[in-house]
Amino acid sequence: MATTDNLHYSILASGSKGNSTYIETAHHRILIDAGLSGKQIEARMAAINRSLKDVEAIFVTHEHSDHSHGVGVLARRYGLDIYANRGTWQAMDNKIGKVPLDQKHLIAPGSVKDFGDLQVESFAVSHDAAEPQFYQVHHDNKAFCILTDTGYVSERVAGTIRDADAYLMECNHDTEMLINGTKYSWPLKQRILGDEGHLSNEDGAEALTSVIGRHTKEVIIGHRSHENNTRSLAHLTVATLLEQRDFGVDHDFQLDDAEQDHASKLMTL
C-alpha cells in the first residue's frame, strides 16, 4: 500500500476509446471506470508499479463501453467490489457478464461512500446514458474531481466540485473540426454537440473558470476525441481562455493532458 498519507492518482487512460483512473491512499485503492480490456488495465497498472491485486473496488460512471468494458472481467478475476447507481446497473448488467451478487453495490447520485481515509462522492451529470454520474474523491481535506461525458456543467455540479485540488476535465472536441469533419453523420454530430453529449474544448475551459479555486493545483485535460481534436489544440484552447480570464496557468496550477495510449505518472496531492 501507499507509504505516505497522501492522495495519489494516475489517469490510466482517457479518451473516446477507453477510460480508467487509479486512486490510492495509505489504506485503500480503487478504480474509477474500467473502459479498457482487463489485460490493458493490468499493463497500465504495471507501468505505474501498481497491481490490481491490491485494488478493492471499481466505481462506474455509466454503462458506455469506453467506461465499463473491463468491469466484469476484473470483478471476476480479482474479486473486486463494483459500485454504480441503479440505472447504470440495469443498463450494464447484461453487458459485463456475471458478477457475484455480494460484489454488486449501489451508490446513488449525490451520495458518499466512506472508506475511512477515502471518501467517494457521486454527482449526476447530463449525458445520453441511463443514469450517468461522476465522482469526486476526498482525503485529508484534499479533493480530486473527475468530470467527463457531460453535455454541460450545471450550477449544481459546479457548486459540488468547486475549488478541488485537482481536476480531470473533459475537452472532447474542437467544434469546427466536429462540424466540418466527414467521418461522423449529422445525427451523431448533433448528439455530441447537444446537452446530453460532450464538452467541447471551449466548454471545458468555461467550466474550469467556474470551479478553479485557490486550492486548485492540477488541471488535466481529458477524454479527447481521436477524430475531432488534437492534444495541442485542446491544450492551447484551454490555456488561452483561462489566461484571458486572469487564471495563473502553469503558475497557480499546472495544466496537463491525459492520454489514451498510456498511463500518466502517479501524481500526489
C-alpha atoms as a PDB file:
ATOM      1  CA  MET A   1       0.000   0.000   0.000  1.00  0.00           C
ATOM      2  CA  ALA A   2       0.996   3.676  -0.142  1.00  0.00           C
ATOM      3  CA  THR A   3       3.900   4.581   2.084  1.00  0.00           C
ATOM      4  CA  THR A   4       2.793   8.174   2.728  1.00  0.00           C
ATOM      5  CA  ASP A   5      -0.523   9.514   3.926  1.00  0.00           C
ATOM      6  CA  ASN A   6      -1.394  11.356   0.723  1.00  0.00           C
ATOM      7  CA  LEU A   7      -3.891  11.014  -2.097  1.00  0.00           C
ATOM      8  CA  HIS A   8      -2.234   9.500  -5.182  1.00  0.00           C
ATOM      9  CA  TYR A   9      -3.772   9.089  -8.634  1.00  0.00           C
ATOM     10  CA  SER A  10      -2.937   8.105 -12.188  1.00  0.00           C
ATOM     11  CA  ILE A  11      -5.023   8.548 -15.319  1.00  0.00           C
ATOM     12  CA  LEU A  12      -4.599   5.067 -16.786  1.00  0.00           C
ATOM     13  CA  ALA A  13      -6.475   6.046 -19.965  1.00  0.00           C
ATOM     14  CA  SER A  14      -8.674   8.925 -21.051  1.00  0.00           C
ATOM     15  CA  GLY A  15     -10.364   9.284 -24.410  1.00  0.00           C
ATOM     16  CA  SER A  16     -13.101   8.028 -26.679  1.00  0.00           C
ATOM     17  CA  LYS A  17     -11.530   4.543 -26.823  1.00  0.00           C
ATOM     18  CA  GLY A  18     -11.381   3.834 -23.102  1.00  0.00           C
ATOM     19  CA  ASN A  19     -11.219   5.451 -19.672  1.00  0.00           C
ATOM     20  CA  SER A  20      -9.897   4.429 -16.275  1.00  0.00           C
ATOM     21  CA  THR A  21      -8.385   6.281 -13.306  1.00  0.00           C
ATOM     22  CA  TYR A  22      -6.470   4.743 -10.417  1.00  0.00           C
ATOM     23  CA  ILE A  23      -6.682   6.279  -6.925  1.00  0.00           C
ATOM     24  CA  GLU A  24      -4.904   5.293  -3.725  1.00  0.00           C
ATOM     25  CA  THR A  25      -4.470   6.381  -0.125  1.00  0.00           C
ATOM     26  CA  ALA A  26      -2.436   4.729   2.610  1.00  0.00           C
ATOM     27  CA  HIS A  27      -5.222   2.196   3.208  1.00  0.00           C
ATOM     28  CA  HIS A  28      -7.370   1.970   0.055  1.00  0.00           C
ATOM     29  CA  ARG A  29      -7.006   1.554  -3.695  1.00  0.00           C
ATOM     30  CA  ILE A  30      -9.820   1.959  -6.226  1.00  0.00           C
ATOM     31  CA  LEU A  31     -10.513   2.486  -9.903  1.00  0.00           C
ATOM     32  CA  ILE A  32     -12.939   4.975 -11.382  1.00  0.00           C
ATOM     33  CA  ASP A  33     -14.202   3.177 -14.516  1.00  0.00           C
ATOM     34  CA  ALA A  34     -12.599   0.288 -16.380  1.00  0.00           C
ATOM     35  CA  GLY A  35     -13.155   1.061 -20.043  1.00  0.00           C
ATOM     36  CA  LEU A  36     -10.231  -0.940 -21.418  1.00  0.00           C
ATOM     37  CA  SER A  37      -9.758  -4.691 -21.560  1.00  0.00           C
ATOM     38  CA  GLY A  38      -8.588  -6.447 -18.427  1.00  0.00           C
ATOM     39  CA  LYS A  39      -5.148  -7.065 -19.967  1.00  0.00           C
ATOM     40  CA  GLN A  40      -4.754  -3.422 -20.940  1.00  0.00           C
ATOM     41  CA  ILE A  41      -5.632  -2.201 -17.451  1.00  0.00           C
ATOM     42  CA  GLU A  42      -3.236  -4.720 -15.924  1.00  0.00           C
ATOM     43  CA  ALA A  43      -0.494  -3.385 -18.200  1.00  0.00           C
ATOM     44  CA  ARG A  44      -1.260   0.258 -17.354  1.00  0.00           C
ATOM     45  CA  MET A  45      -1.153  -0.577 -13.645  1.00  0.00           C
ATOM     46  CA  ALA A  46       2.180  -2.346 -14.067  1.00  0.00           C
ATOM     47  CA  ALA A  47       3.524   0.732 -15.853  1.00  0.00           C
ATOM     48  CA  ILE A  48       2.998   2.779 -12.663  1.00  0.00           C
ATOM     49  CA  ASN A  49       4.338  -0.058 -10.494  1.00  0.00           C
ATOM     50  CA  ARG A  50       0.966  -0.999  -9.064  1.00  0.00           C
ATOM     51  CA  SER A  51      -1.073  -4.230  -9.101  1.00  0.00           C
ATOM     52  CA  LEU A  52      -4.779  -4.890  -9.440  1.00  0.00           C
ATOM     53  CA  LYS A  53      -4.364  -7.470  -6.686  1.00  0.00           C
ATOM     54  CA  ASP A  54      -4.339  -4.551  -4.242  1.00  0.00           C
ATOM     55  CA  VAL A  55      -7.374  -2.764  -5.711  1.00  0.00           C
ATOM     56  CA  GLU A  56     -10.618  -3.323  -3.827  1.00  0.00           C
ATOM     57  CA  ALA A  57     -13.322  -1.615  -5.881  1.00  0.00           C
ATOM     58  CA  ILE A  58     -14.342  -0.085  -9.203  1.00  0.00           C
ATOM     59  CA  PHE A  59     -16.723   2.883  -9.295  1.00  0.00           C
ATOM     60  CA  VAL A  60     -18.563   3.023 -12.635  1.00  0.00           C
ATOM     61  CA  THR A  61     -19.758   6.333 -14.061  1.00  0.00           C
ATOM     62  CA  HIS A  62     -22.094   4.926 -16.728  1.00  0.00           C
ATOM     63  CA  GLU A  63     -22.636   1.905 -18.922  1.00  0.00           C
ATOM     64  CA  HIS A  64     -20.976   3.048 -22.175  1.00  0.00           C
ATOM     65  CA  SER A  65     -18.298   0.567 -23.169  1.00  0.00           C
ATOM     66  CA  ASP A  66     -15.434   3.063 -23.051  1.00  0.00           C
ATOM     67  CA  HIS A  67     -16.098   3.240 -19.306  1.00  0.00           C
ATOM     68  CA  SER A  68     -17.324  -0.280 -18.481  1.00  0.00           C
ATOM     69  CA  HIS A  69     -15.659  -2.693 -20.928  1.00  0.00           C
ATOM     70  CA  GLY A  70     -13.315  -4.302 -18.389  1.00  0.00           C
ATOM     71  CA  VAL A  71     -15.555  -4.134 -15.326  1.00  0.00           C
ATOM     72  CA  GLY A  72     -16.877  -7.687 -15.449  1.00  0.00           C
ATOM     73  CA  VAL A  73     -13.600  -9.465 -16.141  1.00  0.00           C
ATOM     74  CA  LEU A  74     -11.766  -7.527 -13.418  1.00  0.00           C
ATOM     75  CA  ALA A  75     -14.569  -8.179 -10.939  1.00  0.00           C
ATOM     76  CA  ARG A  76     -14.329 -11.907 -11.575  1.00  0.00           C
ATOM     77  CA  ARG A  77     -10.555 -12.137 -11.848  1.00  0.00           C
ATOM     78  CA  TYR A  78      -9.715 -10.099  -8.741  1.00  0.00           C
ATOM     79  CA  GLY A  79     -12.902 -10.276  -6.653  1.00  0.00           C
ATOM     80  CA  LEU A  80     -13.420  -6.509  -6.874  1.00  0.00           C
ATOM     81  CA  ASP A  81     -16.474  -4.774  -5.479  1.00  0.00           C
ATOM     82  CA  ILE A  82     -18.366  -2.840  -8.155  1.00  0.00           C
ATOM     83  CA  TYR A  83     -20.217   0.386  -7.316  1.00  0.00           C
ATOM     84  CA  ALA A  84     -22.747   2.010  -9.649  1.00  0.00           C
ATOM     85  CA  ASN A  85     -26.161   3.590  -9.364  1.00  0.00           C
ATOM     86  CA  ARG A  86     -29.376   1.679 -10.060  1.00  0.00           C
ATOM     87  CA  GLY A  87     -29.851   2.917 -13.619  1.00  0.00           C
ATOM     88  CA  THR A  88     -26.281   2.084 -14.595  1.00  0.00           C
ATOM     89  CA  TRP A  89     -26.536  -1.417 -13.120  1.00  0.00           C
ATOM     90  CA  GLN A  90     -29.727  -2.074 -15.073  1.00  0.00           C
ATOM     91  CA  ALA A  91     -28.113  -0.860 -18.306  1.00  0.00           C
ATOM     92  CA  MET A  92     -24.758  -2.648 -17.996  1.00  0.00           C
ATOM     93  CA  ASP A  93     -25.606  -5.829 -16.088  1.00  0.00           C
ATOM     94  CA  ASN A  94     -26.191  -7.954 -19.188  1.00  0.00           C
ATOM     95  CA  LYS A  95     -23.124  -6.477 -20.943  1.00  0.00           C
ATOM     96  CA  ILE A  96     -20.374  -7.264 -18.434  1.00  0.00           C
ATOM     97  CA  GLY A  97     -21.112 -10.932 -17.719  1.00  0.00           C
ATOM     98  CA  LYS A  98     -21.930 -12.494 -14.392  1.00  0.00           C
ATOM     99  CA  VAL A  99     -20.718 -10.674 -11.274  1.00  0.00           C
ATOM    100  CA  PRO A 100     -21.331 -12.306  -7.868  1.00  0.00           C
ATOM    101  CA  LEU A 101     -24.172 -10.615  -6.014  1.00  0.00           C
ATOM    102  CA  ASP A 102     -22.017  -9.814  -2.985  1.00  0.00           C
ATOM    103  CA  GLN A 103     -19.681  -7.778  -5.243  1.00  0.00           C
ATOM    104  CA  LYS A 104     -22.502  -5.572  -6.576  1.00  0.00           C
ATOM    105  CA  HIS A 105     -23.103  -2.326  -4.691  1.00  0.00           C
ATOM    106  CA  LEU A 106     -25.308   0.725  -5.184  1.00  0.00           C
ATOM    107  CA  ILE A 107     -24.105   4.302  -4.915  1.00  0.00           C
ATOM    108  CA  ALA A 108     -26.857   6.780  -5.718  1.00  0.00           C
ATOM    109  CA  PRO A 109     -26.219  10.216  -7.227  1.00  0.00           C
ATOM    110  CA  GLY A 110     -25.486  12.791  -4.561  1.00  0.00           C
ATOM    111  CA  SER A 111     -24.179  10.299  -2.004  1.00  0.00           C
ATOM    112  CA  VAL A 112     -20.825   9.455  -0.420  1.00  0.00           C
ATOM    113  CA  LYS A 113     -19.139   6.093   0.112  1.00  0.00           C
ATOM    114  CA  ASP A 114     -16.821   6.416   3.116  1.00  0.00           C
ATOM    115  CA  PHE A 115     -13.823   4.076   3.287  1.00  0.00           C
ATOM    116  CA  GLY A 116     -12.292   5.801   6.310  1.00  0.00           C
ATOM    117  CA  ASP A 117      -9.334   7.656   4.817  1.00  0.00           C
ATOM    118  CA  LEU A 118     -11.033   7.914   1.399  1.00  0.00           C
ATOM    119  CA  GLN A 119     -14.469   9.268   0.579  1.00  0.00           C
ATOM    120  CA  VAL A 120     -16.021   8.851  -2.871  1.00  0.00           C
ATOM    121  CA  GLU A 121     -18.726  11.419  -3.668  1.00  0.00           C
ATOM    122  CA  SER A 122     -21.081  10.906  -6.610  1.00  0.00           C
ATOM    123  CA  PHE A 123     -22.874  13.598  -8.607  1.00  0.00           C
ATOM    124  CA  ALA A 124     -25.283  13.361 -11.534  1.00  0.00           C
ATOM    125  CA  VAL A 125     -24.380  14.754 -14.972  1.00  0.00           C
ATOM    126  CA  SER A 126     -26.132  15.289 -18.313  1.00  0.00           C
ATOM    127  CA  HIS A 127     -25.206  12.554 -20.791  1.00  0.00           C
ATOM    128  CA  ASP A 128     -27.070  10.134 -23.046  1.00  0.00           C
ATOM    129  CA  ALA A 129     -26.713   7.180 -20.713  1.00  0.00           C
ATOM    130  CA  ALA A 130     -29.191   5.525 -18.359  1.00  0.00           C
ATOM    131  CA  GLU A 131     -28.206   7.400 -15.184  1.00  0.00           C
ATOM    132  CA  PRO A 132     -24.765   8.978 -15.635  1.00  0.00           C
ATOM    133  CA  GLN A 133     -22.822  10.191 -12.619  1.00  0.00           C
ATOM    134  CA  PHE A 134     -19.221  11.109 -11.926  1.00  0.00           C
ATOM    135  CA  TYR A 135     -17.088  11.148  -8.822  1.00  0.00           C
ATOM    136  CA  GLN A 136     -15.052  13.426  -6.608  1.00  0.00           C
ATOM    137  CA  VAL A 137     -12.723  11.704  -4.156  1.00  0.00           C
ATOM    138  CA  HIS A 138     -11.676  13.212  -0.833  1.00  0.00           C
ATOM    139  CA  HIS A 139      -8.781  12.519   1.510  1.00  0.00           C
ATOM    140  CA  ASP A 140      -7.431  14.636   4.359  1.00  0.00           C
ATOM    141  CA  ASN A 141      -9.122  17.844   3.133  1.00  0.00           C
ATOM    142  CA  LYS A 142      -7.895  17.251  -0.426  1.00  0.00           C
ATOM    143  CA  ALA A 143     -10.229  16.621  -3.373  1.00  0.00           C
ATOM    144  CA  PHE A 144      -9.731  15.197  -6.859  1.00  0.00           C
ATOM    145  CA  CYS A 145     -12.643  15.541  -9.289  1.00  0.00           C
ATOM    146  CA  ILE A 146     -13.311  13.562 -12.472  1.00  0.00           C
ATOM    147  CA  LEU A 147     -15.813  15.132 -14.876  1.00  0.00           C
ATOM    148  CA  THR A 148     -16.119  13.834 -18.445  1.00  0.00           C
ATOM    149  CA  ASP A 149     -19.042  12.722 -20.606  1.00  0.00           C
ATOM    150  CA  THR A 150     -21.432  15.573 -19.969  1.00  0.00           C
ATOM    151  CA  GLY A 151     -23.141  17.955 -22.352  1.00  0.00           C
ATOM    152  CA  TYR A 152     -22.889  20.891 -19.970  1.00  0.00           C
ATOM    153  CA  VAL A 153     -21.896  21.733 -16.407  1.00  0.00           C
ATOM    154  CA  SER A 154     -24.854  22.946 -14.367  1.00  0.00           C
ATOM    155  CA  GLU A 155     -24.630  25.395 -11.489  1.00  0.00           C
ATOM    156  CA  ARG A 156     -25.419  22.464  -9.191  1.00  0.00           C
ATOM    157  CA  VAL A 157     -22.475  20.439 -10.459  1.00  0.00           C
ATOM    158  CA  ALA A 158     -20.165  23.457 -10.410  1.00  0.00           C
ATOM    159  CA  GLY A 159     -21.113  24.118  -6.801  1.00  0.00           C
ATOM    160  CA  THR A 160     -20.440  20.486  -5.872  1.00  0.00           C
ATOM    161  CA  ILE A 161     -16.952  20.395  -7.377  1.00  0.00           C
ATOM    162  CA  ARG A 162     -15.762  23.960  -6.847  1.00  0.00           C
ATOM    163  CA  ASP A 163     -12.194  24.525  -5.590  1.00  0.00           C
ATOM    164  CA  ALA A 164     -10.981  20.937  -5.815  1.00  0.00           C
ATOM    165  CA  ASP A 165      -7.238  20.394  -5.564  1.00  0.00           C
ATOM    166  CA  ALA A 166      -7.149  18.620  -8.933  1.00  0.00           C
ATOM    167  CA  TYR A 167      -9.484  18.107 -11.905  1.00  0.00           C
ATOM    168  CA  LEU A 168      -9.717  15.711 -14.802  1.00  0.00           C
ATOM    169  CA  MET A 169     -11.953  17.788 -17.089  1.00  0.00           C
ATOM    170  CA  GLU A 170     -13.436  16.785 -20.414  1.00  0.00           C
ATOM    171  CA  CYS A 171     -12.384  18.676 -23.532  1.00  0.00           C
ATOM    172  CA  ASN A 172     -13.742  16.208 -26.044  1.00  0.00           C
ATOM    173  CA  HIS A 173     -13.770  18.015 -29.364  1.00  0.00           C
ATOM    174  CA  ASP A 174     -12.977  21.122 -31.331  1.00  0.00           C
ATOM    175  CA  THR A 175     -16.359  22.338 -32.550  1.00  0.00           C
ATOM    176  CA  GLU A 176     -15.192  23.307 -36.041  1.00  0.00           C
ATOM    177  CA  MET A 177     -13.383  20.004 -36.548  1.00  0.00           C
ATOM    178  CA  LEU A 178     -16.511  18.121 -35.485  1.00  0.00           C
ATOM    179  CA  ILE A 179     -18.930  20.101 -37.648  1.00  0.00           C
ATOM    180  CA  ASN A 180     -16.734  20.159 -40.747  1.00  0.00           C
ATOM    181  CA  GLY A 181     -15.413  16.607 -40.493  1.00  0.00           C
ATOM    182  CA  THR A 182     -16.688  13.879 -42.780  1.00  0.00           C
ATOM    183  CA  LYS A 183     -16.345  10.759 -40.594  1.00  0.00           C
ATOM    184  CA  TYR A 184     -19.458  11.354 -38.467  1.00  0.00           C
ATOM    185  CA  SER A 185     -23.073  11.534 -39.579  1.00  0.00           C
ATOM    186  CA  TRP A 186     -25.002  14.705 -38.850  1.00  0.00           C
ATOM    187  CA  PRO A 187     -27.205  12.986 -36.209  1.00  0.00           C
ATOM    188  CA  LEU A 188     -24.055  11.804 -34.393  1.00  0.00           C
ATOM    189  CA  LYS A 189     -22.596  15.314 -34.553  1.00  0.00           C
ATOM    190  CA  GLN A 190     -25.835  16.694 -33.107  1.00  0.00           C
ATOM    191  CA  ARG A 191     -25.701  14.122 -30.323  1.00  0.00           C
ATOM    192  CA  ILE A 192     -22.132  15.104 -29.382  1.00  0.00           C
ATOM    193  CA  LEU A 193     -22.934  18.829 -29.517  1.00  0.00           C
ATOM    194  CA  GLY A 194     -26.158  18.509 -27.522  1.00  0.00           C
ATOM    195  CA  ASP A 195     -26.908  18.945 -23.826  1.00  0.00           C
ATOM    196  CA  GLU A 196     -26.502  15.176 -23.318  1.00  0.00           C
ATOM    197  CA  GLY A 197     -23.312  14.893 -25.351  1.00  0.00           C
ATOM    198  CA  HIS A 198     -19.764  16.013 -24.623  1.00  0.00           C
ATOM    199  CA  LEU A 199     -17.968  19.199 -23.623  1.00  0.00           C
ATOM    200  CA  SER A 200     -16.002  20.911 -26.371  1.00  0.00           C
ATOM    201  CA  ASN A 201     -12.597  22.443 -25.696  1.00  0.00           C
ATOM    202  CA  GLU A 202     -14.268  25.798 -25.135  1.00  0.00           C
ATOM    203  CA  ASP A 203     -16.992  24.278 -22.934  1.00  0.00           C
ATOM    204  CA  GLY A 204     -14.424  22.517 -20.769  1.00  0.00           C
ATOM    205  CA  ALA A 205     -12.420  25.705 -20.398  1.00  0.00           C
ATOM    206  CA  GLU A 206     -15.544  27.683 -19.480  1.00  0.00           C
ATOM    207  CA  ALA A 207     -16.460  25.079 -16.878  1.00  0.00           C
ATOM    208  CA  LEU A 208     -12.990  25.346 -15.383  1.00  0.00           C
ATOM    209  CA  THR A 209     -13.359  29.106 -14.992  1.00  0.00           C
ATOM    210  CA  SER A 210     -16.354  28.483 -12.750  1.00  0.00           C
ATOM    211  CA  VAL A 211     -14.728  25.889 -10.488  1.00  0.00           C
ATOM    212  CA  ILE A 212     -10.981  26.539 -10.200  1.00  0.00           C
ATOM    213  CA  GLY A 213     -10.193  27.966  -6.774  1.00  0.00           C
ATOM    214  CA  ARG A 214      -7.303  28.836  -4.517  1.00  0.00           C
ATOM    215  CA  HIS A 215      -6.748  25.172  -3.596  1.00  0.00           C
ATOM    216  CA  THR A 216      -6.527  24.016  -7.227  1.00  0.00           C
ATOM    217  CA  LYS A 217      -3.023  22.860  -8.130  1.00  0.00           C
ATOM    218  CA  GLU A 218      -3.587  20.497 -11.074  1.00  0.00           C
ATOM    219  CA  VAL A 219      -5.904  20.575 -14.093  1.00  0.00           C
ATOM    220  CA  ILE A 220      -5.784  17.668 -16.533  1.00  0.00           C
ATOM    221  CA  ILE A 221      -7.451  17.890 -19.941  1.00  0.00           C
ATOM    222  CA  GLY A 222      -9.152  14.591 -20.741  1.00  0.00           C
ATOM    223  CA  HIS A 223     -11.488  12.494 -22.884  1.00  0.00           C
ATOM    224  CA  ARG A 224     -10.226  13.969 -26.167  1.00  0.00           C
ATOM    225  CA  SER A 225     -11.785  12.680 -29.364  1.00  0.00           C
ATOM    226  CA  HIS A 226      -9.334  10.909 -31.646  1.00  0.00           C
ATOM    227  CA  GLU A 227     -11.156  12.161 -34.751  1.00  0.00           C
ATOM    228  CA  ASN A 228     -12.271  15.669 -33.748  1.00  0.00           C
ATOM    229  CA  ASN A 229      -9.497  17.062 -31.563  1.00  0.00           C
ATOM    230  CA  THR A 230      -5.761  17.141 -31.028  1.00  0.00           C
ATOM    231  CA  ARG A 231      -3.677  17.329 -27.887  1.00  0.00           C
ATOM    232  CA  SER A 232      -2.079  20.628 -28.872  1.00  0.00           C
ATOM    233  CA  LEU A 233      -5.346  22.258 -29.932  1.00  0.00           C
ATOM    234  CA  ALA A 234      -7.183  21.297 -26.747  1.00  0.00           C
ATOM    235  CA  HIS A 235      -4.300  22.482 -24.573  1.00  0.00           C
ATOM    236  CA  LEU A 236      -3.930  25.785 -26.425  1.00  0.00           C
ATOM    237  CA  THR A 237      -7.672  26.493 -26.346  1.00  0.00           C
ATOM    238  CA  VAL A 238      -7.961  25.852 -22.618  1.00  0.00           C
ATOM    239  CA  ALA A 239      -4.769  27.700 -21.697  1.00  0.00           C
ATOM    240  CA  THR A 240      -5.686  30.727 -23.814  1.00  0.00           C
ATOM    241  CA  LEU A 241      -9.192  31.080 -22.409  1.00  0.00           C
ATOM    242  CA  LEU A 242      -8.045  30.642 -18.802  1.00  0.00           C
ATOM    243  CA  GLU A 243      -5.252  33.188 -19.268  1.00  0.00           C
ATOM    244  CA  GLN A 244      -7.716  35.636 -20.798  1.00  0.00           C
ATOM    245  CA  ARG A 245      -9.762  35.298 -17.592  1.00  0.00           C
ATOM    246  CA  ASP A 246      -6.640  36.019 -15.471  1.00  0.00           C
ATOM    247  CA  PHE A 247      -6.063  32.462 -14.266  1.00  0.00           C
ATOM    248  CA  GLY A 248      -2.433  31.662 -13.493  1.00  0.00           C
ATOM    249  CA  VAL A 249      -1.895  28.734 -15.877  1.00  0.00           C
ATOM    250  CA  ASP A 250       1.304  26.830 -15.017  1.00  0.00           C
ATOM    251  CA  HIS A 251       1.840  29.259 -12.153  1.00  0.00           C
ATOM    252  CA  ASP A 252      -1.023  28.931  -9.674  1.00  0.00           C
ATOM    253  CA  PHE A 253      -1.815  25.474 -11.050  1.00  0.00           C
ATOM    254  CA  GLN A 254      -0.360  23.051 -13.586  1.00  0.00           C
ATOM    255  CA  LEU A 255      -2.212  22.383 -16.842  1.00  0.00           C
ATOM    256  CA  ASP A 256      -1.571  18.854 -18.154  1.00  0.00           C
ATOM    257  CA  ASP A 257      -3.005  16.440 -20.707  1.00  0.00           C
ATOM    258  CA  ALA A 258      -4.335  12.921 -20.171  1.00  0.00           C
ATOM    259  CA  GLU A 259      -3.557  10.364 -22.866  1.00  0.00           C
ATOM    260  CA  GLN A 260      -5.425   7.499 -24.484  1.00  0.00           C
ATOM    261  CA  ASP A 261      -2.500   5.173 -25.099  1.00  0.00           C
ATOM    262  CA  HIS A 262      -0.539   5.266 -21.842  1.00  0.00           C
ATOM    263  CA  ALA A 263      -0.935   5.907 -18.133  1.00  0.00           C
ATOM    264  CA  SER A 264       0.106   9.179 -16.558  1.00  0.00           C
ATOM    265  CA  LYS A 265       2.720   9.167 -13.839  1.00  0.00           C
ATOM    266  CA  LEU A 266       1.438   8.564 -10.313  1.00  0.00           C
ATOM    267  CA  MET A 267       0.590  12.045  -9.020  1.00  0.00           C
ATOM    268  CA  THR A 268       0.248  13.199  -5.425  1.00  0.00           C
ATOM    269  CA  LEU A 269      -1.993  15.675  -3.620  1.00  0.00           C
END
